[in-house]
Amino acid sequence: MGAETLTGRIVDAIDLIDGILDAGSIRDYTSRDQLIFMREQLTSMASHLRHRTAPAAGAHALMSRMVVDSWPLDSTLGRQLVDIEDDYLALLQGTRRHP
């Protein structure tokens, strides 16, 4: 998957999170703080992809861990977040400056 396609998917997920936060329709398995954290992570990913910069060493699957640990398996947003993070980390393996 290319960086442009992944960036588009990230922007879509950010828009979805913003919609949830704006509507106040936060599910009981997550929190406002968790969604804000995920939006920040996604924003950082998009910035790195747009500017073709590598994140700090140690970038790892933080969102995926949260989703897997506490979200229901049938969560559409949760699945999107896990897929985006997996694709982002896979893309970084070829571009990361630090081991």
PDB file of N, CA and C in Angstrom:
ATOM      1  N   MET A   1       0.843  -1.170   0.000  1.00  0.00           N
ATOM      2  CA  MET A   1       0.000   0.000   0.000  1.00  0.00           C
ATOM      3  C   MET A   1       0.891   1.236   0.000  1.00  0.00           C
ATOM      4  N   GLY A   2       0.511   2.208  -0.801  1.00  0.00           N
ATOM      5  CA  GLY A   2       1.289   3.430  -0.892  1.00  0.00           C
ATOM      6  C   GLY A   2       0.977   4.415   0.226  1.00  0.00           C
ATOM      7  N   ALA A   3       1.899   5.340   0.413  1.00  0.00           N
ATOM      8  CA  ALA A   3       1.756   6.337   1.473  1.00  0.00           C
ATOM      9  C   ALA A   3       0.528   7.219   1.262  1.00  0.00           C
ATOM     10  N   GLU A   4       0.229   7.572   0.006  1.00  0.00           N
ATOM     11  CA  GLU A   4      -0.931   8.433  -0.257  1.00  0.00           C
ATOM     12  C   GLU A   4      -2.234   7.740   0.105  1.00  0.00           C
ATOM     13  N   THR A   5      -2.367   6.492  -0.268  1.00  0.00           N
ATOM     14  CA  THR A   5      -3.579   5.736   0.059  1.00  0.00           C
ATOM     15  C   THR A   5      -3.732   5.599   1.562  1.00  0.00           C
ATOM     16  N   LEU A   6      -2.643   5.273   2.229  1.00  0.00           N
ATOM     17  CA  LEU A   6      -2.682   5.123   3.681  1.00  0.00           C
ATOM     18  C   LEU A   6      -3.014   6.453   4.353  1.00  0.00           C
ATOM     19  N   THR A   7      -2.453   7.540   3.855  1.00  0.00           N
ATOM     20  CA  THR A   7      -2.768   8.857   4.415  1.00  0.00           C
ATOM     21  C   THR A   7      -4.255   9.150   4.282  1.00  0.00           C
ATOM     22  N   GLY A   8      -4.854   8.811   3.156  1.00  0.00           N
ATOM     23  CA  GLY A   8      -6.295   8.998   2.974  1.00  0.00           C
ATOM     24  C   GLY A   8      -7.105   8.198   3.975  1.00  0.00           C
ATOM     25  N   ARG A   9      -6.696   6.968   4.223  1.00  0.00           N
ATOM     26  CA  ARG A   9      -7.393   6.139   5.219  1.00  0.00           C
ATOM     27  C   ARG A   9      -7.239   6.720   6.617  1.00  0.00           C
ATOM     28  N   ILE A  10      -6.069   7.270   6.910  1.00  0.00           N
ATOM     29  CA  ILE A  10      -5.829   7.893   8.213  1.00  0.00           C
ATOM     30  C   ILE A  10      -6.732   9.105   8.384  1.00  0.00           C
ATOM     31  N   VAL A  11      -6.816   9.942   7.360  1.00  0.00           N
ATOM     32  CA  VAL A  11      -7.675  11.132   7.426  1.00  0.00           C
ATOM     33  C   VAL A  11      -9.130  10.723   7.635  1.00  0.00           C
ATOM     34  N   ASP A  12      -9.576   9.672   6.956  1.00  0.00           N
ATOM     35  CA  ASP A  12     -10.948   9.179   7.145  1.00  0.00           C
ATOM     36  C   ASP A  12     -11.183   8.748   8.589  1.00  0.00           C
ATOM     37  N   ALA A  13     -10.216   8.060   9.182  1.00  0.00           N
ATOM     38  CA  ALA A  13     -10.355   7.611  10.575  1.00  0.00           C
ATOM     39  C   ALA A  13     -10.365   8.802  11.531  1.00  0.00           C
ATOM     40  N   ILE A  14      -9.542   9.806  11.259  1.00  0.00           N
ATOM     41  CA  ILE A  14      -9.540  11.015  12.087  1.00  0.00           C
ATOM     42  C   ILE A  14     -10.909  11.686  12.021  1.00  0.00           C
ATOM     43  N   ASP A  15     -11.463  11.788  10.814  1.00  0.00           N
ATOM     44  CA  ASP A  15     -12.793  12.386  10.654  1.00  0.00           C
ATOM     45  C   ASP A  15     -13.847  11.604  11.428  1.00  0.00           C
ATOM     46  N   LEU A  16     -13.744  10.288  11.407  1.00  0.00           N
ATOM     47  CA  LEU A  16     -14.696   9.450  12.141  1.00  0.00           C
ATOM     48  C   LEU A  16     -14.567   9.674  13.648  1.00  0.00           C
ATOM     49  N   ILE A  17     -13.357   9.722  14.143  1.00  0.00           N
ATOM     50  CA  ILE A  17     -13.133   9.982  15.572  1.00  0.00           C
ATOM     51  C   ILE A  17     -13.651  11.368  15.944  1.00  0.00           C
ATOM     52  N   ASP A  18     -13.368  12.366  15.109  1.00  0.00           N
ATOM     53  CA  ASP A  18     -13.872  13.718  15.379  1.00  0.00           C
ATOM     54  C   ASP A  18     -15.394  13.736  15.435  1.00  0.00           C
ATOM     55  N   GLY A  19     -16.033  12.991  14.547  1.00  0.00           N
ATOM     56  CA  GLY A  19     -17.488  12.913  14.553  1.00  0.00           C
ATOM     57  C   GLY A  19     -18.021  12.299  15.837  1.00  0.00           C
ATOM     58  N   ILE A  20     -17.364  11.265  16.311  1.00  0.00           N
ATOM     59  CA  ILE A  20     -17.764  10.620  17.568  1.00  0.00           C
ATOM     60  C   ILE A  20     -17.594  11.589  18.730  1.00  0.00           C
ATOM     61  N   LEU A  21     -16.457  12.278  18.762  1.00  0.00           N
ATOM     62  CA  LEU A  21     -16.199  13.228  19.843  1.00  0.00           C
ATOM     63  C   LEU A  21     -17.181  14.398  19.799  1.00  0.00           C
ATOM     64  N   ASP A  22     -17.443  14.924  18.606  1.00  0.00           N
ATOM     65  CA  ASP A  22     -18.361  16.055  18.464  1.00  0.00           C
ATOM     66  C   ASP A  22     -19.785  15.690  18.857  1.00  0.00           C
ATOM     67  N   ALA A  23     -20.196  14.476  18.501  1.00  0.00           N
ATOM     68  CA  ALA A  23     -21.562  14.037  18.801  1.00  0.00           C
ATOM     69  C   ALA A  23     -21.702  13.544  20.236  1.00  0.00           C
ATOM     70  N   GLY A  24     -20.576  13.315  20.893  1.00  0.00           N
ATOM     71  CA  GLY A  24     -20.627  12.787  22.253  1.00  0.00           C
ATOM     72  C   GLY A  24     -21.116  11.353  22.309  1.00  0.00           C
ATOM     73  N   SER A  25     -20.930  10.626  21.204  1.00  0.00           N
ATOM     74  CA  SER A  25     -21.419   9.243  21.137  1.00  0.00           C
ATOM     75  C   SER A  25     -20.303   8.244  21.439  1.00  0.00           C
ATOM     76  N   ILE A  26     -19.645   8.450  22.559  1.00  0.00           N
ATOM     77  CA  ILE A  26     -18.529   7.597  22.967  1.00  0.00           C
ATOM     78  C   ILE A  26     -19.076   6.326  23.603  1.00  0.00           C
ATOM     79  N   ARG A  27     -18.622   5.200  23.122  1.00  0.00           N
ATOM     80  CA  ARG A  27     -19.080   3.901  23.637  1.00  0.00           C
ATOM     81  C   ARG A  27     -18.500   3.631  25.014  1.00  0.00           C
ATOM     82  N   ASP A  28     -19.116   2.720  25.736  1.00  0.00           N
ATOM     83  CA  ASP A  28     -18.681   2.432  27.108  1.00  0.00           C
ATOM     84  C   ASP A  28     -17.342   1.697  27.182  1.00  0.00           C
ATOM     85  N   TYR A  29     -16.857   1.149  26.089  1.00  0.00           N
ATOM     86  CA  TYR A  29     -15.590   0.414  26.109  1.00  0.00           C
ATOM     87  C   TYR A  29     -14.387   1.318  25.811  1.00  0.00           C
ATOM     88  N   THR A  30     -14.638   2.586  25.567  1.00  0.00           N
ATOM     89  CA  THR A  30     -13.541   3.523  25.326  1.00  0.00           C
ATOM     90  C   THR A  30     -13.794   4.796  26.120  1.00  0.00           C
ATOM     91  N   SER A  31     -12.939   5.771  25.957  1.00  0.00           N
ATOM     92  CA  SER A  31     -13.110   7.040  26.664  1.00  0.00           C
ATOM     93  C   SER A  31     -12.739   8.188  25.734  1.00  0.00           C
ATOM     94  N   ARG A  32     -13.132   9.368  26.132  1.00  0.00           N
ATOM     95  CA  ARG A  32     -12.785  10.565  25.366  1.00  0.00           C
ATOM     96  C   ARG A  32     -11.254  10.690  25.264  1.00  0.00           C
ATOM     97  N   ASP A  33     -10.572  10.481  26.383  1.00  0.00           N
ATOM     98  CA  ASP A  33      -9.107  10.579  26.387  1.00  0.00           C
ATOM     99  C   ASP A  33      -8.470   9.567  25.442  1.00  0.00           C
ATOM    100  N   GLN A  34      -9.006   8.360  25.413  1.00  0.00           N
ATOM    101  CA  GLN A  34      -8.462   7.329  24.537  1.00  0.00           C
ATOM    102  C   GLN A  34      -8.660   7.717  23.068  1.00  0.00           C
ATOM    103  N   LEU A  35      -9.835   8.231  22.738  1.00  0.00           N
ATOM    104  CA  LEU A  35     -10.092   8.646  21.359  1.00  0.00           C
ATOM    105  C   LEU A  35      -9.210   9.832  20.962  1.00  0.00           C
ATOM    106  N   ILE A  36      -9.002  10.756  21.876  1.00  0.00           N
ATOM    107  CA  ILE A  36      -8.119  11.893  21.594  1.00  0.00           C
ATOM    108  C   ILE A  36      -6.690  11.400  21.379  1.00  0.00           C
ATOM    109  N   PHE A  37      -6.238  10.463  22.202  1.00  0.00           N
ATOM    110  CA  PHE A  37      -4.907   9.879  22.027  1.00  0.00           C
ATOM    111  C   PHE A  37      -4.786   9.230  20.647  1.00  0.00           C
ATOM    112  N   MET A  38      -5.804   8.479  20.253  1.00  0.00           N
ATOM    113  CA  MET A  38      -5.767   7.808  18.954  1.00  0.00           C
ATOM    114  C   MET A  38      -5.758   8.825  17.816  1.00  0.00           C
ATOM    115  N   ARG A  39      -6.540   9.890  17.954  1.00  0.00           N
ATOM    116  CA  ARG A  39      -6.530  10.945  16.939  1.00  0.00           C
ATOM    117  C   ARG A  39      -5.129  11.561  16.839  1.00  0.00           C
ATOM    118  N   GLU A  40      -4.480  11.787  17.974  1.00  0.00           N
ATOM    119  CA  GLU A  40      -3.118  12.339  17.964  1.00  0.00           C
ATOM    120  C   GLU A  40      -2.135  11.383  17.286  1.00  0.00           C
ATOM    121  N   GLN A  41      -2.270  10.102  17.565  1.00  0.00           N
ATOM    122  CA  GLN A  41      -1.402   9.109  16.927  1.00  0.00           C
ATOM    123  C   GLN A  41      -1.604   9.109  15.418  1.00  0.00           C
ATOM    124  N   LEU A  42      -2.866   9.145  14.993  1.00  0.00           N
ATOM    125  CA  LEU A  42      -3.175   9.156  13.565  1.00  0.00           C
ATOM    126  C   LEU A  42      -2.652  10.427  12.896  1.00  0.00           C
ATOM    127  N   THR A  43      -2.802  11.553  13.569  1.00  0.00           N
ATOM    128  CA  THR A  43      -2.315  12.821  13.031  1.00  0.00           C
ATOM    129  C   THR A  43      -0.799  12.775  12.852  1.00  0.00           C
ATOM    130  N   SER A  44      -0.109  12.200  13.820  1.00  0.00           N
ATOM    131  CA  SER A  44       1.342  12.054  13.729  1.00  0.00           C
ATOM    132  C   SER A  44       1.725  11.142  12.566  1.00  0.00           C
ATOM    133  N   MET A  45       1.014  10.033  12.408  1.00  0.00           N
ATOM    134  CA  MET A  45       1.286   9.121  11.298  1.00  0.00           C
ATOM    135  C   MET A  45       1.126   9.841   9.961  1.00  0.00           C
ATOM    136  N   ALA A  46       0.023  10.564   9.810  1.00  0.00           N
ATOM    137  CA  ALA A  46      -0.234  11.275   8.555  1.00  0.00           C
ATOM    138  C   ALA A  46       0.862  12.302   8.279  1.00  0.00           C
ATOM    139  N   SER A  47       1.305  12.994   9.309  1.00  0.00           N
ATOM    140  CA  SER A  47       2.367  13.989   9.151  1.00  0.00           C
ATOM    141  C   SER A  47       3.663  13.334   8.684  1.00  0.00           C
ATOM    142  N   HIS A  48       4.024  12.219   9.287  1.00  0.00           N
ATOM    143  CA  HIS A  48       5.241  11.510   8.879  1.00  0.00           C
ATOM    144  C   HIS A  48       5.138  11.041   7.432  1.00  0.00           C
ATOM    145  N   LEU A  49       3.965  10.567   7.041  1.00  0.00           N
ATOM    146  CA  LEU A  49       3.791  10.095   5.667  1.00  0.00           C
ATOM    147  C   LEU A  49       3.838  11.253   4.675  1.00  0.00           C
ATOM    148  N   ARG A  50       3.182  12.353   5.005  1.00  0.00           N
ATOM    149  CA  ARG A  50       3.154  13.507   4.091  1.00  0.00           C
ATOM    150  C   ARG A  50       4.542  14.120   3.902  1.00  0.00           C
ATOM    151  N   HIS A  51       5.299  14.178   4.977  1.00  0.00           N
ATOM    152  CA  HIS A  51       6.616  14.815   4.921  1.00  0.00           C
ATOM    153  C   HIS A  51       7.750  13.821   4.679  1.00  0.00           C
ATOM    154  N   ARG A  52       7.381  12.562   4.552  1.00  0.00           N
ATOM    155  CA  ARG A  52       8.357  11.494   4.300  1.00  0.00           C
ATOM    156  C   ARG A  52       9.476  11.487   5.338  1.00  0.00           C
ATOM    157  N   THR A  53       9.065  11.631   6.591  1.00  0.00           N
ATOM    158  CA  THR A  53      10.015  11.576   7.698  1.00  0.00           C
ATOM    159  C   THR A  53       9.729  10.334   8.529  1.00  0.00           C
ATOM    160  N   ALA A  54      10.742   9.853   9.176  1.00  0.00           N
ATOM    161  CA  ALA A  54      10.578   8.679  10.032  1.00  0.00           C
ATOM    162  C   ALA A  54      10.238   9.135  11.446  1.00  0.00           C
ATOM    163  N   PRO A  55       9.367   8.407  12.112  1.00  0.00           N
ATOM    164  CA  PRO A  55       9.071   8.742  13.506  1.00  0.00           C
ATOM    165  C   PRO A  55      10.261   8.402  14.393  1.00  0.00           C
ATOM    166  N   ALA A  56      10.194   8.835  15.614  1.00  0.00           N
ATOM    167  CA  ALA A  56      11.246   8.494  16.575  1.00  0.00           C
ATOM    168  C   ALA A  56      11.354   6.978  16.690  1.00  0.00           C
ATOM    169  N   ALA A  57      12.527   6.519  16.985  1.00  0.00           N
ATOM    170  CA  ALA A  57      12.734   5.081  17.172  1.00  0.00           C
ATOM    171  C   ALA A  57      11.805   4.574  18.263  1.00  0.00           C
ATOM    172  N   GLY A  58      11.320   3.381  18.083  1.00  0.00           N
ATOM    173  CA  GLY A  58      10.458   2.789  19.094  1.00  0.00           C
ATOM    174  C   GLY A  58       8.982   2.904  18.789  1.00  0.00           C
ATOM    175  N   ALA A  59       8.634   3.403  17.600  1.00  0.00           N
ATOM    176  CA  ALA A  59       7.214   3.464  17.237  1.00  0.00           C
ATOM    177  C   ALA A  59       6.679   2.037  17.198  1.00  0.00           C
ATOM    178  N   HIS A  60       5.594   1.822  17.878  1.00  0.00           N
ATOM    179  CA  HIS A  60       5.024   0.486  17.899  1.00  0.00           C
ATOM    180  C   HIS A  60       3.506   0.561  18.020  1.00  0.00           C
ATOM    181  N   ALA A  61       2.881  -0.568  18.033  1.00  0.00           N
ATOM    182  CA  ALA A  61       1.430  -0.681  17.921  1.00  0.00           C
ATOM    183  C   ALA A  61       0.704  -0.306  19.208  1.00  0.00           C
ATOM    184  N   LEU A  62       0.628   0.976  19.512  1.00  0.00           N
ATOM    185  CA  LEU A  62      -0.066   1.429  20.720  1.00  0.00           C
ATOM    186  C   LEU A  62      -1.580   1.363  20.565  1.00  0.00           C
ATOM    187  N   MET A  63      -2.084   1.834  19.426  1.00  0.00           N
ATOM    188  CA  MET A  63      -3.537   1.821  19.227  1.00  0.00           C
ATOM    189  C   MET A  63      -4.060   0.394  19.164  1.00  0.00           C
ATOM    190  N   SER A  64      -3.342  -0.447  18.465  1.00  0.00           N
ATOM    191  CA  SER A  64      -3.784  -1.837  18.329  1.00  0.00           C
ATOM    192  C   SER A  64      -3.913  -2.513  19.683  1.00  0.00           C
ATOM    193  N   ARG A  65      -2.970  -2.247  20.556  1.00  0.00           N
ATOM    194  CA  ARG A  65      -3.035  -2.852  21.894  1.00  0.00           C
ATOM    195  C   ARG A  65      -4.276  -2.396  22.640  1.00  0.00           C
ATOM    196  N   MET A  66      -4.585  -1.104  22.555  1.00  0.00           N
ATOM    197  CA  MET A  66      -5.787  -0.594  23.227  1.00  0.00           C
ATOM    198  C   MET A  66      -7.044  -1.235  22.663  1.00  0.00           C
ATOM    199  N   VAL A  67      -7.113  -1.299  21.348  1.00  0.00           N
ATOM    200  CA  VAL A  67      -8.301  -1.857  20.700  1.00  0.00           C
ATOM    201  C   VAL A  67      -8.458  -3.328  21.060  1.00  0.00           C
ATOM    202  N   VAL A  68      -7.388  -4.084  20.927  1.00  0.00           N
ATOM    203  CA  VAL A  68      -7.456  -5.524  21.202  1.00  0.00           C
ATOM    204  C   VAL A  68      -7.777  -5.798  22.669  1.00  0.00           C
ATOM    205  N   ASP A  69      -7.237  -4.981  23.559  1.00  0.00           N
ATOM    206  CA  ASP A  69      -7.451  -5.198  24.992  1.00  0.00           C
ATOM    207  C   ASP A  69      -8.850  -4.842  25.470  1.00  0.00           C
ATOM    208  N   SER A  70      -9.489  -3.840  24.861  1.00  0.00           N
ATOM    209  CA  SER A  70     -10.733  -3.372  25.478  1.00  0.00           C
ATOM    210  C   SER A  70     -11.914  -3.145  24.546  1.00  0.00           C
ATOM    211  N   TRP A  71     -11.722  -3.189  23.247  1.00  0.00           N
ATOM    212  CA  TRP A  71     -12.831  -2.930  22.333  1.00  0.00           C
ATOM    213  C   TRP A  71     -13.454  -4.254  21.891  1.00  0.00           C
ATOM    214  N   PRO A  72     -14.739  -4.236  21.550  1.00  0.00           N
ATOM    215  CA  PRO A  72     -15.366  -5.465  21.057  1.00  0.00           C
ATOM    216  C   PRO A  72     -14.800  -5.857  19.684  1.00  0.00           C
ATOM    217  N   LEU A  73     -14.825  -7.131  19.398  1.00  0.00           N
ATOM    218  CA  LEU A  73     -14.256  -7.637  18.149  1.00  0.00           C
ATOM    219  C   LEU A  73     -14.973  -7.115  16.913  1.00  0.00           C
ATOM    220  N   ASP A  74     -16.244  -6.747  17.056  1.00  0.00           N
ATOM    221  CA  ASP A  74     -17.012  -6.300  15.895  1.00  0.00           C
ATOM    222  C   ASP A  74     -16.999  -4.783  15.705  1.00  0.00           C
ATOM    223  N   SER A  75     -16.101  -4.080  16.377  1.00  0.00           N
ATOM    224  CA  SER A  75     -16.008  -2.625  16.245  1.00  0.00           C
ATOM    225  C   SER A  75     -15.386  -2.266  14.893  1.00  0.00           C
ATOM    226  N   THR A  76     -16.154  -1.577  14.065  1.00  0.00           N
ATOM    227  CA  THR A  76     -15.660  -1.170  12.751  1.00  0.00           C
ATOM    228  C   THR A  76     -14.498  -0.192  12.884  1.00  0.00           C
ATOM    229  N   LEU A  77     -14.641   0.800  13.750  1.00  0.00           N
ATOM    230  CA  LEU A  77     -13.554   1.760  13.959  1.00  0.00           C
ATOM    231  C   LEU A  77     -12.320   1.057  14.516  1.00  0.00           C
ATOM    232  N   GLY A  78     -12.519   0.155  15.456  1.00  0.00           N
ATOM    233  CA  GLY A  78     -11.395  -0.581  16.021  1.00  0.00           C
ATOM    234  C   GLY A  78     -10.632  -1.347  14.956  1.00  0.00           C
ATOM    235  N   ARG A  79     -11.361  -2.001  14.073  1.00  0.00           N
ATOM    236  CA  ARG A  79     -10.728  -2.762  12.989  1.00  0.00           C
ATOM    237  C   ARG A  79      -9.943  -1.826  12.068  1.00  0.00           C
ATOM    238  N   GLN A  80     -10.551  -0.658  11.760  1.00  0.00           N
ATOM    239  CA  GLN A  80      -9.868   0.326  10.917  1.00  0.00           C
ATOM    240  C   GLN A  80      -8.557   0.775  11.560  1.00  0.00           C
ATOM    241  N   LEU A  81      -8.603   1.060  12.849  1.00  0.00           N
ATOM    242  CA  LEU A  81      -7.412   1.541  13.551  1.00  0.00           C
ATOM    243  C   LEU A  81      -6.300   0.495  13.550  1.00  0.00           C
ATOM    244  N   VAL A  82      -6.658  -0.748  13.810  1.00  0.00           N
ATOM    245  CA  VAL A  82      -5.669  -1.832  13.811  1.00  0.00           C
ATOM    246  C   VAL A  82      -5.068  -1.997  12.413  1.00  0.00           C
ATOM    247  N   ASP A  83      -5.921  -1.999  11.386  1.00  0.00           N
ATOM    248  CA  ASP A  83      -5.430  -2.156  10.013  1.00  0.00           C
ATOM    249  C   ASP A  83      -4.520  -1.001   9.602  1.00  0.00           C
ATOM    250  N   ILE A  84      -4.926   0.225   9.953  1.00  0.00           N
ATOM    251  CA  ILE A  84      -4.109   1.396   9.616  1.00  0.00           C
ATOM    252  C   ILE A  84      -2.748   1.305  10.295  1.00  0.00           C
ATOM    253  N   GLU A  85      -2.754   0.987  11.578  1.00  0.00           N
ATOM    254  CA  GLU A  85      -1.487   0.922  12.304  1.00  0.00           C
ATOM    255  C   GLU A  85      -0.600  -0.198  11.761  1.00  0.00           C
ATOM    256  N   ASP A  86      -1.182  -1.341  11.448  1.00  0.00           N
ATOM    257  CA  ASP A  86      -0.401  -2.443  10.869  1.00  0.00           C
ATOM    258  C   ASP A  86       0.222  -2.032   9.536  1.00  0.00           C
ATOM    259  N   ASP A  87      -0.579  -1.394   8.677  1.00  0.00           N
ATOM    260  CA  ASP A  87      -0.077  -0.967   7.368  1.00  0.00           C
ATOM    261  C   ASP A  87       0.993   0.114   7.515  1.00  0.00           C
ATOM    262  N   TYR A  88       0.800   1.018   8.463  1.00  0.00           N
ATOM    263  CA  TYR A  88       1.776   2.083   8.716  1.00  0.00           C
ATOM    264  C   TYR A  88       3.107   1.488   9.174  1.00  0.00           C
ATOM    265  N   LEU A  89       3.060   0.584  10.124  1.00  0.00           N
ATOM    266  CA  LEU A  89       4.293  -0.023  10.635  1.00  0.00           C
ATOM    267  C   LEU A  89       4.984  -0.860   9.562  1.00  0.00           C
ATOM    268  N   ALA A  90       4.199  -1.535   8.716  1.00  0.00           N
ATOM    269  CA  ALA A  90       4.784  -2.310   7.620  1.00  0.00           C
ATOM    270  C   ALA A  90       5.477  -1.389   6.618  1.00  0.00           C
ATOM    271  N   LEU A  91       4.858  -0.252   6.336  1.00  0.00           N
ATOM    272  CA  LEU A  91       5.455   0.716   5.421  1.00  0.00           C
ATOM    273  C   LEU A  91       6.751   1.290   5.999  1.00  0.00           C
ATOM    274  N   LEU A  92       6.766   1.512   7.300  1.00  0.00           N
ATOM    275  CA  LEU A  92       7.959   2.066   7.952  1.00  0.00           C
ATOM    276  C   LEU A  92       9.154   1.125   7.911  1.00  0.00           C
ATOM    277  N   GLN A  93       8.915  -0.146   7.867  1.00  0.00           N
ATOM    278  CA  GLN A  93      10.032  -1.094   7.905  1.00  0.00           C
ATOM    279  C   GLN A  93      11.025  -0.843   6.780  1.00  0.00           C
ATOM    280  N   GLY A  94      10.559  -0.282   5.693  1.00  0.00           N
ATOM    281  CA  GLY A  94      11.455   0.029   4.588  1.00  0.00           C
ATOM    282  C   GLY A  94      12.011   1.436   4.638  1.00  0.00           C
ATOM    283  N   THR A  95      11.478   2.295   5.541  1.00  0.00           N
ATOM    284  CA  THR A  95      11.895   3.695   5.539  1.00  0.00           C
ATOM    285  C   THR A  95      12.457   4.169   6.868  1.00  0.00           C
ATOM    286  N   ARG A  96      12.394   3.364   7.893  1.00  0.00           N
ATOM    287  CA  ARG A  96      12.828   3.793   9.224  1.00  0.00           C
ATOM    288  C   ARG A  96      14.333   4.055   9.242  1.00  0.00           C
ATOM    289  N   ARG A  97      14.706   5.176   9.835  1.00  0.00           N
ATOM    290  CA  ARG A  97      16.124   5.540   9.919  1.00  0.00           C
ATOM    291  C   ARG A  97      16.830   4.840  11.072  1.00  0.00           C
ATOM    292  N   HIS A  98      16.073   4.480  12.087  1.00  0.00           N
ATOM    293  CA  HIS A  98      16.652   3.856  13.279  1.00  0.00           C
ATOM    294  C   HIS A  98      16.162   2.420  13.374  1.00  0.00           C
ATOM    295  N   PRO A  99      17.021   1.505  13.813  1.00  0.00           N
ATOM    296  CA  PRO A  99      16.594   0.096  13.953  1.00  0.00           C
ATOM    297  C   PRO A  99      15.580  -0.079  15.064  1.00  0.00           C
TER     298      PRO A  99
END
